Amino acid sequence: MTITRSVVLGCGSYLPSQVLTNEDLARKVDTSDEWIVQRTGIHERRIAAPGELTSHMALHAAKSALAHARVDAQSIDLIVLATSTPDNTFPASAVSVQADLGITHGAAFDLQAVCSGFVYALATADGLLKSGAYKRALVIGSETFSRILDWTDRTTCVLFGDGAGAVVMEAQQQPGTRDDRGLLTVHLRSDGRFKSKLYVDGGPSSTGTVGYLRMEGREVFRHAVAMITDVVEDAFRATGYAAADVDWFIPHQANKRIIDGSAHKLGIAPDKIVTTVDRHGNTSAASIPLALSDAVTDRRIKRGDLLLLEAMGGGFTWGAALLRW
C-alpha cells in the first residue's frame, strides 16, 4: 500500500550583497572579533539594503528553488512563508511573493514561529499536501532581522543577519516505508512560559511600534540543547532511525556552541554537521533552508541522503524533522 509523502524537488537561497564583519561591528559597539567568534562562531553576516524587503529576498530564493526543481511557478498552488519580519503588519508577505511570481490561484500565507519557523512551515505544508488539497508548494524562510535590532546592544546585534531560503515540495505516492523519499516525520513543540527569554518589545496591539529584539542569552542557551535533543529523539523513535543513520545534520544556525553541543549529545559526528553560522549569523527562519541550499549547491547532499533538521526559537518554539533527499 502506498502513502502520500511531501517530496522536496529543489531548493534555493538568497543573501543580500552587504557583508557586515565582526571588525565592522567593533567600530559600532564595545565588542571584538575574538569575543564574537569565541561565544558564537560568527565571523560575518549579511544585511539587507535600504528598501530591500523580506518579500524581495523570499522572491529571489523562491525563483532559485523553482529553477533548481525545474518546475514552473504556475505549478505552485501553495506558498507558506515563515518570517518574523514581514513587509507589513498585513497582508502576508507571502501574497507579495505569489503576485510577483504571477500566480493567481491557490493559497499563500505567512507563518510566525521565529527561528523554528521553517520547521513549522514544513509541517504545515506537509499536512496540506498530504490532505490532497494542494499538489505543489513553495516553503520559504525569509528574514530582515537587521530591522528589529538595537544596534547599541552588543549582546544581540552581533548575532543576527538577513537572508532567505526556499524549497519546492510536491505530494507524491511512496511505498510507505522509512526508506521513502520526502518528509518522513516532523515534530513541533512550544512552551509560552519562556516568552520573556527571547522576544521583541513592540507590536501592533501592545505598543503600536515594531520594537527591538530582546534576549536573555544565557537562559536561551541553557534550555536550547535539552529541548533540541528531546524533540530529535522523538523523531528517531517515530521512524526507527538513530543518529548513526543520519547523513547530514542541518540545524538552525543560532550559535556554533549550541550546534556542537546538540550534535555531541545526540551522538552525531562533527563531519556530518552543515554549518553556515560563521558566514550568515543567525538568520532565524531562513537559516535552515540557507544551510540546506549551501550543502546541496556544493554537492555534499546527494539523492537518498537522510537529513535531520532542527530548530529552536522565541516562544519558546522548537521542532525537528527527518527528510530523505
C-alpha atoms as a PDB file:
ATOM      1  CA  MET A   1       0.000   0.000   0.000  1.00  0.00           C
ATOM      2  CA  THR A   2       1.403   3.389  -0.987  1.00  0.00           C
ATOM      3  CA  ILE A   3       1.165   6.591   1.055  1.00  0.00           C
ATOM      4  CA  THR A   4       1.480  10.276   0.212  1.00  0.00           C
ATOM      5  CA  ARG A   5       4.772  11.922   1.106  1.00  0.00           C
ATOM      6  CA  SER A   6       5.890  15.524   0.641  1.00  0.00           C
ATOM      7  CA  VAL A   7       8.995  15.202  -1.519  1.00  0.00           C
ATOM      8  CA  VAL A   8      11.482  18.054  -1.984  1.00  0.00           C
ATOM      9  CA  LEU A   9      12.052  18.724  -5.683  1.00  0.00           C
ATOM     10  CA  GLY A  10      14.591  21.514  -5.277  1.00  0.00           C
ATOM     11  CA  CYS A  11      15.919  24.291  -3.073  1.00  0.00           C
ATOM     12  CA  GLY A  12      17.274  27.805  -3.423  1.00  0.00           C
ATOM     13  CA  SER A  13      18.620  30.711  -1.433  1.00  0.00           C
ATOM     14  CA  TYR A  14      19.372  34.404  -1.464  1.00  0.00           C
ATOM     15  CA  LEU A  15      21.748  36.586   0.557  1.00  0.00           C
ATOM     16  CA  PRO A  16      21.949  40.392   0.453  1.00  0.00           C
ATOM     17  CA  SER A  17      25.160  41.776  -1.015  1.00  0.00           C
ATOM     18  CA  GLN A  18      26.240  43.816   2.017  1.00  0.00           C
ATOM     19  CA  VAL A  19      28.631  41.937   4.308  1.00  0.00           C
ATOM     20  CA  LEU A  20      28.907  43.121   7.925  1.00  0.00           C
ATOM     21  CA  THR A  21      32.041  41.732   9.577  1.00  0.00           C
ATOM     22  CA  ASN A  22      32.900  41.486  13.252  1.00  0.00           C
ATOM     23  CA  GLU A  23      35.509  44.199  12.686  1.00  0.00           C
ATOM     24  CA  ASP A  24      32.760  46.456  11.323  1.00  0.00           C
ATOM     25  CA  LEU A  25      30.694  45.836  14.455  1.00  0.00           C
ATOM     26  CA  ALA A  26      33.671  46.542  16.712  1.00  0.00           C
ATOM     27  CA  ARG A  27      33.643  50.069  15.320  1.00  0.00           C
ATOM     28  CA  LYS A  28      29.990  50.492  16.336  1.00  0.00           C
ATOM     29  CA  VAL A  29      29.757  48.809  19.770  1.00  0.00           C
ATOM     30  CA  ASP A  30      32.096  47.635  22.507  1.00  0.00           C
ATOM     31  CA  THR A  31      32.992  44.214  21.116  1.00  0.00           C
ATOM     32  CA  SER A  32      35.734  42.426  19.202  1.00  0.00           C
ATOM     33  CA  ASP A  33      36.135  39.736  16.580  1.00  0.00           C
ATOM     34  CA  GLU A  34      37.668  37.436  19.197  1.00  0.00           C
ATOM     35  CA  TRP A  35      34.770  37.955  21.634  1.00  0.00           C
ATOM     36  CA  ILE A  36      32.114  37.249  18.998  1.00  0.00           C
ATOM     37  CA  VAL A  37      33.839  34.223  17.462  1.00  0.00           C
ATOM     38  CA  GLN A  38      34.600  32.629  20.835  1.00  0.00           C
ATOM     39  CA  ARG A  39      30.989  32.862  22.002  1.00  0.00           C
ATOM     40  CA  THR A  40      29.078  32.327  18.759  1.00  0.00           C
ATOM     41  CA  GLY A  41      31.324  31.122  15.939  1.00  0.00           C
ATOM     42  CA  ILE A  42      30.129  34.036  13.777  1.00  0.00           C
ATOM     43  CA  HIS A  43      32.649  35.911  11.592  1.00  0.00           C
ATOM     44  CA  GLU A  44      30.264  37.879   9.377  1.00  0.00           C
ATOM     45  CA  ARG A  45      26.619  38.281   8.400  1.00  0.00           C
ATOM     46  CA  ARG A  46      24.614  39.833   5.542  1.00  0.00           C
ATOM     47  CA  ILE A  47      22.478  42.963   5.869  1.00  0.00           C
ATOM     48  CA  ALA A  48      19.563  43.848   3.595  1.00  0.00           C
ATOM     49  CA  ALA A  49      19.991  47.015   1.563  1.00  0.00           C
ATOM     50  CA  PRO A  50      17.724  50.029   2.174  1.00  0.00           C
ATOM     51  CA  GLY A  51      14.422  49.245   0.508  1.00  0.00           C
ATOM     52  CA  GLU A  52      15.207  45.528   0.259  1.00  0.00           C
ATOM     53  CA  LEU A  53      12.272  43.784   1.910  1.00  0.00           C
ATOM     54  CA  THR A  54      11.601  40.325   3.320  1.00  0.00           C
ATOM     55  CA  SER A  55       9.340  39.569   0.337  1.00  0.00           C
ATOM     56  CA  HIS A  56      12.049  40.640  -2.127  1.00  0.00           C
ATOM     57  CA  MET A  57      14.527  38.182  -0.648  1.00  0.00           C
ATOM     58  CA  ALA A  58      11.846  35.492  -0.449  1.00  0.00           C
ATOM     59  CA  LEU A  59      11.103  36.004  -4.138  1.00  0.00           C
ATOM     60  CA  HIS A  60      14.768  35.580  -5.092  1.00  0.00           C
ATOM     61  CA  ALA A  61      15.011  32.375  -3.035  1.00  0.00           C
ATOM     62  CA  ALA A  62      11.730  31.094  -4.497  1.00  0.00           C
ATOM     63  CA  LYS A  63      12.900  31.670  -8.073  1.00  0.00           C
ATOM     64  CA  SER A  64      16.170  29.909  -7.265  1.00  0.00           C
ATOM     65  CA  ALA A  65      14.289  26.922  -5.814  1.00  0.00           C
ATOM     66  CA  LEU A  66      11.938  26.739  -8.810  1.00  0.00           C
ATOM     67  CA  ALA A  67      14.910  26.764 -11.194  1.00  0.00           C
ATOM     68  CA  HIS A  68      16.674  24.035  -9.221  1.00  0.00           C
ATOM     69  CA  ALA A  69      13.493  21.939  -9.163  1.00  0.00           C
ATOM     70  CA  ARG A  70      12.943  22.633 -12.884  1.00  0.00           C
ATOM     71  CA  VAL A  71       9.284  23.442 -12.390  1.00  0.00           C
ATOM     72  CA  ASP A  72       7.201  26.393 -13.497  1.00  0.00           C
ATOM     73  CA  ALA A  73       5.820  28.886 -10.987  1.00  0.00           C
ATOM     74  CA  GLN A  74       2.317  28.255 -12.338  1.00  0.00           C
ATOM     75  CA  SER A  75       2.503  24.688 -10.991  1.00  0.00           C
ATOM     76  CA  ILE A  76       2.659  26.050  -7.416  1.00  0.00           C
ATOM     77  CA  ASP A  77      -0.677  26.123  -5.619  1.00  0.00           C
ATOM     78  CA  LEU A  78       0.539  26.753  -2.049  1.00  0.00           C
ATOM     79  CA  ILE A  79       3.063  29.213  -0.590  1.00  0.00           C
ATOM     80  CA  VAL A  80       3.972  29.122   3.102  1.00  0.00           C
ATOM     81  CA  LEU A  81       6.390  31.870   4.131  1.00  0.00           C
ATOM     82  CA  ALA A  82       7.995  31.595   7.559  1.00  0.00           C
ATOM     83  CA  THR A  83       9.025  35.012   8.860  1.00  0.00           C
ATOM     84  CA  SER A  84       9.009  37.178  11.984  1.00  0.00           C
ATOM     85  CA  THR A  85       9.887  40.279   9.971  1.00  0.00           C
ATOM     86  CA  PRO A  86       7.101  40.703   7.357  1.00  0.00           C
ATOM     87  CA  ASP A  87       6.963  43.666   4.987  1.00  0.00           C
ATOM     88  CA  ASN A  88       3.720  44.862   6.604  1.00  0.00           C
ATOM     89  CA  THR A  89       1.542  44.006   9.583  1.00  0.00           C
ATOM     90  CA  PHE A  90      -0.777  42.759   6.846  1.00  0.00           C
ATOM     91  CA  PRO A  91      -1.202  41.493   4.211  1.00  0.00           C
ATOM     92  CA  ALA A  92       1.083  38.489   4.460  1.00  0.00           C
ATOM     93  CA  SER A  93       4.410  38.857   2.656  1.00  0.00           C
ATOM     94  CA  ALA A  94       3.613  35.522   1.003  1.00  0.00           C
ATOM     95  CA  VAL A  95       0.953  37.150  -1.168  1.00  0.00           C
ATOM     96  CA  SER A  96       3.563  39.603  -2.492  1.00  0.00           C
ATOM     97  CA  VAL A  97       5.720  36.649  -3.498  1.00  0.00           C
ATOM     98  CA  GLN A  98       2.682  34.996  -5.071  1.00  0.00           C
ATOM     99  CA  ALA A  99       1.868  38.118  -7.093  1.00  0.00           C
ATOM    100  CA  ASP A 100       5.463  38.683  -8.190  1.00  0.00           C
ATOM    101  CA  LEU A 101       5.622  35.090  -9.441  1.00  0.00           C
ATOM    102  CA  GLY A 102       2.462  35.740 -11.469  1.00  0.00           C
ATOM    103  CA  ILE A 103       0.444  33.133  -9.559  1.00  0.00           C
ATOM    104  CA  THR A 104      -3.276  33.922  -9.269  1.00  0.00           C
ATOM    105  CA  HIS A 105      -4.536  30.599  -7.931  1.00  0.00           C
ATOM    106  CA  GLY A 106      -4.080  28.573  -4.758  1.00  0.00           C
ATOM    107  CA  ALA A 107      -3.223  29.962  -1.329  1.00  0.00           C
ATOM    108  CA  ALA A 108      -0.384  31.961   0.197  1.00  0.00           C
ATOM    109  CA  PHE A 109       0.147  32.908   3.834  1.00  0.00           C
ATOM    110  CA  ASP A 110       2.817  33.746   6.411  1.00  0.00           C
ATOM    111  CA  LEU A 111       3.678  31.637   9.439  1.00  0.00           C
ATOM    112  CA  GLN A 112       5.370  33.001  12.561  1.00  0.00           C
ATOM    113  CA  ALA A 113       7.322  30.716  14.889  1.00  0.00           C
ATOM    114  CA  VAL A 114      10.534  32.797  14.989  1.00  0.00           C
ATOM    115  CA  CYS A 115      13.678  30.683  14.480  1.00  0.00           C
ATOM    116  CA  SER A 116      11.622  27.468  14.350  1.00  0.00           C
ATOM    117  CA  GLY A 117       9.523  28.952  11.565  1.00  0.00           C
ATOM    118  CA  PHE A 118      10.894  26.887   8.699  1.00  0.00           C
ATOM    119  CA  VAL A 119      10.320  23.580  10.511  1.00  0.00           C
ATOM    120  CA  TYR A 120       6.786  24.727  11.405  1.00  0.00           C
ATOM    121  CA  ALA A 121       6.240  25.758   7.773  1.00  0.00           C
ATOM    122  CA  LEU A 122       7.438  22.364   6.532  1.00  0.00           C
ATOM    123  CA  ALA A 123       4.981  20.646   8.864  1.00  0.00           C
ATOM    124  CA  THR A 124       2.133  22.920   7.760  1.00  0.00           C
ATOM    125  CA  ALA A 125       2.801  22.442   4.048  1.00  0.00           C
ATOM    126  CA  ASP A 126       3.236  18.694   4.586  1.00  0.00           C
ATOM    127  CA  GLY A 127      -0.180  18.417   6.223  1.00  0.00           C
ATOM    128  CA  LEU A 128      -1.881  20.389   3.451  1.00  0.00           C
ATOM    129  CA  LEU A 129      -0.143  18.442   0.684  1.00  0.00           C
ATOM    130  CA  LYS A 130      -0.959  15.081   2.244  1.00  0.00           C
ATOM    131  CA  SER A 131      -4.591  16.128   2.643  1.00  0.00           C
ATOM    132  CA  GLY A 132      -4.904  16.309  -1.123  1.00  0.00           C
ATOM    133  CA  ALA A 133      -5.989  19.954  -1.035  1.00  0.00           C
ATOM    134  CA  TYR A 134      -2.768  21.074  -2.751  1.00  0.00           C
ATOM    135  CA  LYS A 135      -0.247  19.412  -5.034  1.00  0.00           C
ATOM    136  CA  ARG A 136       2.899  21.504  -5.057  1.00  0.00           C
ATOM    137  CA  ALA A 137       4.179  24.034  -2.504  1.00  0.00           C
ATOM    138  CA  LEU A 138       6.834  26.664  -2.039  1.00  0.00           C
ATOM    139  CA  VAL A 139       8.060  26.693   1.562  1.00  0.00           C
ATOM    140  CA  ILE A 140      10.166  29.754   2.283  1.00  0.00           C
ATOM    141  CA  GLY A 141      12.061  31.224   5.219  1.00  0.00           C
ATOM    142  CA  SER A 142      12.940  34.913   4.846  1.00  0.00           C
ATOM    143  CA  GLU A 143      14.065  37.433   7.447  1.00  0.00           C
ATOM    144  CA  THR A 144      15.294  41.022   7.754  1.00  0.00           C
ATOM    145  CA  PHE A 145      16.259  40.838  11.410  1.00  0.00           C
ATOM    146  CA  SER A 146      18.582  43.813  10.940  1.00  0.00           C
ATOM    147  CA  ARG A 147      15.417  45.971  11.066  1.00  0.00           C
ATOM    148  CA  ILE A 148      14.467  44.868  14.607  1.00  0.00           C
ATOM    149  CA  LEU A 149      17.919  45.002  16.210  1.00  0.00           C
ATOM    150  CA  ASP A 150      19.064  47.550  18.769  1.00  0.00           C
ATOM    151  CA  TRP A 151      22.448  48.386  17.257  1.00  0.00           C
ATOM    152  CA  THR A 152      23.675  49.708  20.626  1.00  0.00           C
ATOM    153  CA  ASP A 153      23.092  46.319  22.321  1.00  0.00           C
ATOM    154  CA  ARG A 154      26.243  44.281  21.752  1.00  0.00           C
ATOM    155  CA  THR A 155      24.671  41.112  23.172  1.00  0.00           C
ATOM    156  CA  THR A 156      22.125  40.892  20.332  1.00  0.00           C
ATOM    157  CA  CYS A 157      23.257  42.968  17.352  1.00  0.00           C
ATOM    158  CA  VAL A 158      26.289  40.732  16.754  1.00  0.00           C
ATOM    159  CA  LEU A 159      24.174  37.587  16.393  1.00  0.00           C
ATOM    160  CA  PHE A 160      21.724  38.146  13.568  1.00  0.00           C
ATOM    161  CA  GLY A 161      21.729  38.572   9.810  1.00  0.00           C
ATOM    162  CA  ASP A 162      19.376  38.731   6.839  1.00  0.00           C
ATOM    163  CA  GLY A 163      18.634  36.238   4.074  1.00  0.00           C
ATOM    164  CA  ALA A 164      16.152  33.811   2.574  1.00  0.00           C
ATOM    165  CA  GLY A 165      15.917  30.153   1.594  1.00  0.00           C
ATOM    166  CA  ALA A 166      13.201  28.078  -0.065  1.00  0.00           C
ATOM    167  CA  VAL A 167      12.223  24.568  -1.091  1.00  0.00           C
ATOM    168  CA  VAL A 168       9.714  23.223  -3.599  1.00  0.00           C
ATOM    169  CA  MET A 169       7.678  20.328  -2.198  1.00  0.00           C
ATOM    170  CA  GLU A 170       5.335  18.002  -4.074  1.00  0.00           C
ATOM    171  CA  ALA A 171       2.832  15.400  -2.929  1.00  0.00           C
ATOM    172  CA  GLN A 172       3.983  12.025  -4.283  1.00  0.00           C
ATOM    173  CA  GLN A 173       2.994   8.439  -3.733  1.00  0.00           C
ATOM    174  CA  GLN A 174       5.715   6.450  -1.963  1.00  0.00           C
ATOM    175  CA  PRO A 175       5.916   2.782  -0.857  1.00  0.00           C
ATOM    176  CA  GLY A 176       5.211   3.699   2.766  1.00  0.00           C
ATOM    177  CA  THR A 177       8.498   2.661   4.377  1.00  0.00           C
ATOM    178  CA  ARG A 178      11.104   4.598   6.281  1.00  0.00           C
ATOM    179  CA  ASP A 179      13.226   4.485   3.109  1.00  0.00           C
ATOM    180  CA  ASP A 180      10.704   6.670   1.249  1.00  0.00           C
ATOM    181  CA  ARG A 181      11.809   9.954  -0.248  1.00  0.00           C
ATOM    182  CA  GLY A 182      10.386  13.105   1.306  1.00  0.00           C
ATOM    183  CA  LEU A 183       9.415  14.268   4.763  1.00  0.00           C
ATOM    184  CA  LEU A 184       9.347  11.160   6.949  1.00  0.00           C
ATOM    185  CA  THR A 185       8.353  12.751  10.242  1.00  0.00           C
ATOM    186  CA  VAL A 186       8.139  16.193  11.825  1.00  0.00           C
ATOM    187  CA  HIS A 187       7.666  17.094  15.492  1.00  0.00           C
ATOM    188  CA  LEU A 188       6.759  20.525  16.867  1.00  0.00           C
ATOM    189  CA  ARG A 189       6.848  21.902  20.406  1.00  0.00           C
ATOM    190  CA  SER A 190       6.218  25.187  22.208  1.00  0.00           C
ATOM    191  CA  ASP A 191       6.174  26.478  25.787  1.00  0.00           C
ATOM    192  CA  GLY A 192       4.932  30.013  26.335  1.00  0.00           C
ATOM    193  CA  ARG A 193       6.272  30.170  29.873  1.00  0.00           C
ATOM    194  CA  PHE A 194       9.627  31.175  28.365  1.00  0.00           C
ATOM    195  CA  LYS A 195       8.242  34.069  26.317  1.00  0.00           C
ATOM    196  CA  SER A 196      10.279  36.699  28.183  1.00  0.00           C
ATOM    197  CA  LYS A 197      13.602  34.983  27.446  1.00  0.00           C
ATOM    198  CA  LEU A 198      13.539  35.946  23.758  1.00  0.00           C
ATOM    199  CA  TYR A 199      11.059  38.451  22.366  1.00  0.00           C
ATOM    200  CA  VAL A 200      10.552  41.775  20.564  1.00  0.00           C
ATOM    201  CA  ASP A 201       9.413  44.611  22.808  1.00  0.00           C
ATOM    202  CA  GLY A 202       6.813  46.014  20.410  1.00  0.00           C
ATOM    203  CA  GLY A 203       3.770  45.101  18.361  1.00  0.00           C
ATOM    204  CA  PRO A 204       0.514  46.456  16.890  1.00  0.00           C
ATOM    205  CA  SER A 205      -1.714  45.663  19.889  1.00  0.00           C
ATOM    206  CA  SER A 206       0.808  46.473  22.636  1.00  0.00           C
ATOM    207  CA  THR A 207       2.993  49.469  21.780  1.00  0.00           C
ATOM    208  CA  GLY A 208       1.907  50.287  18.240  1.00  0.00           C
ATOM    209  CA  THR A 209       5.572  50.127  17.252  1.00  0.00           C
ATOM    210  CA  VAL A 210       7.816  47.482  15.681  1.00  0.00           C
ATOM    211  CA  GLY A 211      10.113  47.279  18.722  1.00  0.00           C
ATOM    212  CA  TYR A 212      13.533  45.697  19.190  1.00  0.00           C
ATOM    213  CA  LEU A 213      14.699  42.178  19.846  1.00  0.00           C
ATOM    214  CA  ARG A 214      15.493  41.398  23.495  1.00  0.00           C
ATOM    215  CA  MET A 215      17.155  38.225  24.709  1.00  0.00           C
ATOM    216  CA  GLU A 216      18.437  36.597  27.863  1.00  0.00           C
ATOM    217  CA  GLY A 217      21.251  34.785  26.089  1.00  0.00           C
ATOM    218  CA  ARG A 218      22.380  32.543  28.923  1.00  0.00           C
ATOM    219  CA  GLU A 219      18.834  31.351  29.598  1.00  0.00           C
ATOM    220  CA  VAL A 220      18.226  30.575  25.916  1.00  0.00           C
ATOM    221  CA  PHE A 221      21.487  28.661  25.719  1.00  0.00           C
ATOM    222  CA  ARG A 222      20.673  26.770  28.929  1.00  0.00           C
ATOM    223  CA  HIS A 223      17.401  25.433  27.544  1.00  0.00           C
ATOM    224  CA  ALA A 224      18.385  25.009  23.903  1.00  0.00           C
ATOM    225  CA  VAL A 225      20.420  21.801  23.884  1.00  0.00           C
ATOM    226  CA  ALA A 226      17.995  19.852  26.098  1.00  0.00           C
ATOM    227  CA  MET A 227      14.921  20.939  24.135  1.00  0.00           C
ATOM    228  CA  ILE A 228      16.530  20.239  20.771  1.00  0.00           C
ATOM    229  CA  THR A 229      17.781  16.780  21.698  1.00  0.00           C
ATOM    230  CA  ASP A 230      14.421  15.847  23.210  1.00  0.00           C
ATOM    231  CA  VAL A 231      12.445  16.586  20.044  1.00  0.00           C
ATOM    232  CA  VAL A 232      15.087  14.985  17.797  1.00  0.00           C
ATOM    233  CA  GLU A 233      14.873  11.793  19.842  1.00  0.00           C
ATOM    234  CA  ASP A 234      11.092  11.848  19.258  1.00  0.00           C
ATOM    235  CA  ALA A 235      11.771  11.939  15.517  1.00  0.00           C
ATOM    236  CA  PHE A 236      14.134   8.979  15.825  1.00  0.00           C
ATOM    237  CA  ARG A 237      11.579   6.994  17.798  1.00  0.00           C
ATOM    238  CA  ALA A 238       8.876   7.711  15.213  1.00  0.00           C
ATOM    239  CA  THR A 239      10.955   6.338  12.347  1.00  0.00           C
ATOM    240  CA  GLY A 240      13.213   3.761  13.962  1.00  0.00           C
ATOM    241  CA  TYR A 241      16.279   5.674  12.852  1.00  0.00           C
ATOM    242  CA  ALA A 242      19.188   6.643  15.085  1.00  0.00           C
ATOM    243  CA  ALA A 243      21.909   9.271  14.992  1.00  0.00           C
ATOM    244  CA  ALA A 244      24.241   6.883  13.168  1.00  0.00           C
ATOM    245  CA  ASP A 245      21.769   6.688  10.266  1.00  0.00           C
ATOM    246  CA  VAL A 246      21.784  10.448   9.642  1.00  0.00           C
ATOM    247  CA  ASP A 247      23.831  11.517   6.628  1.00  0.00           C
ATOM    248  CA  TRP A 248      23.593  15.260   7.305  1.00  0.00           C
ATOM    249  CA  PHE A 249      22.581  17.262  10.370  1.00  0.00           C
ATOM    250  CA  ILE A 250      21.190  20.661   9.307  1.00  0.00           C
ATOM    251  CA  PRO A 251      20.433  22.625  12.479  1.00  0.00           C
ATOM    252  CA  HIS A 252      19.149  26.150  12.943  1.00  0.00           C
ATOM    253  CA  GLN A 253      22.240  28.332  12.760  1.00  0.00           C
ATOM    254  CA  ALA A 254      21.930  30.237  16.032  1.00  0.00           C
ATOM    255  CA  ASN A 255      25.257  29.673  17.716  1.00  0.00           C
ATOM    256  CA  LYS A 256      28.075  27.233  16.998  1.00  0.00           C
ATOM    257  CA  ARG A 257      28.272  26.218  20.666  1.00  0.00           C
ATOM    258  CA  ILE A 258      24.585  25.214  20.650  1.00  0.00           C
ATOM    259  CA  ILE A 259      25.023  23.349  17.348  1.00  0.00           C
ATOM    260  CA  ASP A 260      28.084  21.461  18.584  1.00  0.00           C
ATOM    261  CA  GLY A 261      26.518  20.765  21.983  1.00  0.00           C
ATOM    262  CA  SER A 262      23.365  19.333  20.414  1.00  0.00           C
ATOM    263  CA  ALA A 263      25.314  17.178  17.960  1.00  0.00           C
ATOM    264  CA  HIS A 264      27.515  15.846  20.754  1.00  0.00           C
ATOM    265  CA  LYS A 265      24.571  14.995  22.997  1.00  0.00           C
ATOM    266  CA  LEU A 266      22.797  13.238  20.102  1.00  0.00           C
ATOM    267  CA  GLY A 267      25.929  11.353  19.078  1.00  0.00           C
ATOM    268  CA  ILE A 268      26.202  12.924  15.619  1.00  0.00           C
ATOM    269  CA  ALA A 269      29.725  13.091  14.195  1.00  0.00           C
ATOM    270  CA  PRO A 270      31.125  16.603  13.599  1.00  0.00           C
ATOM    271  CA  ASP A 271      31.781  15.874   9.923  1.00  0.00           C
ATOM    272  CA  LYS A 272      28.026  15.378   9.363  1.00  0.00           C
ATOM    273  CA  ILE A 273      27.091  18.886  10.551  1.00  0.00           C
ATOM    274  CA  VAL A 274      26.192  21.533   7.974  1.00  0.00           C
ATOM    275  CA  THR A 275      27.350  24.870   9.387  1.00  0.00           C
ATOM    276  CA  THR A 276      26.852  28.320   7.882  1.00  0.00           C
ATOM    277  CA  VAL A 277      26.550  30.394  11.064  1.00  0.00           C
ATOM    278  CA  ASP A 278      30.135  31.582  10.600  1.00  0.00           C
ATOM    279  CA  ARG A 279      29.181  33.340   7.321  1.00  0.00           C
ATOM    280  CA  HIS A 280      25.463  34.084   7.790  1.00  0.00           C
ATOM    281  CA  GLY A 281      24.962  34.645  11.516  1.00  0.00           C
ATOM    282  CA  ASN A 282      21.519  33.765  12.853  1.00  0.00           C
ATOM    283  CA  THR A 283      19.006  34.346  10.048  1.00  0.00           C
ATOM    284  CA  SER A 284      16.094  32.961  12.089  1.00  0.00           C
ATOM    285  CA  ALA A 285      13.536  31.159   9.897  1.00  0.00           C
ATOM    286  CA  ALA A 286      15.855  31.462   6.883  1.00  0.00           C
ATOM    287  CA  SER A 287      18.799  29.650   8.458  1.00  0.00           C
ATOM    288  CA  ILE A 288      17.846  26.015   7.782  1.00  0.00           C
ATOM    289  CA  PRO A 289      16.927  26.470   4.096  1.00  0.00           C
ATOM    290  CA  LEU A 290      20.048  28.616   3.602  1.00  0.00           C
ATOM    291  CA  ALA A 291      22.220  25.873   5.103  1.00  0.00           C
ATOM    292  CA  LEU A 292      20.374  23.203   3.119  1.00  0.00           C
ATOM    293  CA  SER A 293      20.887  25.081  -0.141  1.00  0.00           C
ATOM    294  CA  ASP A 294      24.559  25.592   0.700  1.00  0.00           C
ATOM    295  CA  ALA A 295      25.118  21.844   1.148  1.00  0.00           C
ATOM    296  CA  VAL A 296      23.116  20.958  -1.975  1.00  0.00           C
ATOM    297  CA  THR A 297      24.980  23.516  -4.086  1.00  0.00           C
ATOM    298  CA  ASP A 298      28.399  22.138  -3.162  1.00  0.00           C
ATOM    299  CA  ARG A 299      27.066  18.594  -3.708  1.00  0.00           C
ATOM    300  CA  ARG A 300      27.581  17.327  -0.190  1.00  0.00           C
ATOM    301  CA  ILE A 301      23.914  16.277  -0.101  1.00  0.00           C
ATOM    302  CA  LYS A 302      23.073  13.537  -2.578  1.00  0.00           C
ATOM    303  CA  ARG A 303      19.854  11.828  -3.669  1.00  0.00           C
ATOM    304  CA  GLY A 304      18.721   9.377  -0.978  1.00  0.00           C
ATOM    305  CA  ASP A 305      20.598  11.045   1.909  1.00  0.00           C
ATOM    306  CA  LEU A 306      18.820  11.188   5.266  1.00  0.00           C
ATOM    307  CA  LEU A 307      18.695  14.740   6.623  1.00  0.00           C
ATOM    308  CA  LEU A 308      17.965  15.799  10.195  1.00  0.00           C
ATOM    309  CA  LEU A 309      16.605  19.328  10.573  1.00  0.00           C
ATOM    310  CA  GLU A 310      16.035  21.045  13.911  1.00  0.00           C
ATOM    311  CA  ALA A 311      15.415  24.497  15.325  1.00  0.00           C
ATOM    312  CA  MET A 312      14.535  26.415  18.447  1.00  0.00           C
ATOM    313  CA  GLY A 313      13.244  29.970  18.691  1.00  0.00           C
ATOM    314  CA  GLY A 314      11.407  32.546  20.737  1.00  0.00           C
ATOM    315  CA  GLY A 315       8.249  31.486  22.447  1.00  0.00           C
ATOM    316  CA  PHE A 316       9.905  29.075  23.112  1.00  0.00           C
ATOM    317  CA  THR A 317       9.165  27.085  19.981  1.00  0.00           C
ATOM    318  CA  TRP A 318      11.202  24.140  18.757  1.00  0.00           C
ATOM    319  CA  GLY A 319      10.948  21.283  16.319  1.00  0.00           C
ATOM    320  CA  ALA A 320      12.701  18.575  14.321  1.00  0.00           C
ATOM    321  CA  ALA A 321      12.183  16.777  11.031  1.00  0.00           C
ATOM    322  CA  LEU A 322      13.682  13.802   9.213  1.00  0.00           C
ATOM    323  CA  LEU A 323      13.767  14.213   5.457  1.00  0.00           C
ATOM    324  CA  ARG A 324      15.084  11.888   2.773  1.00  0.00           C
ATOM    325  CA  TRP A 325      16.532  13.860  -0.095  1.00  0.00           C
END
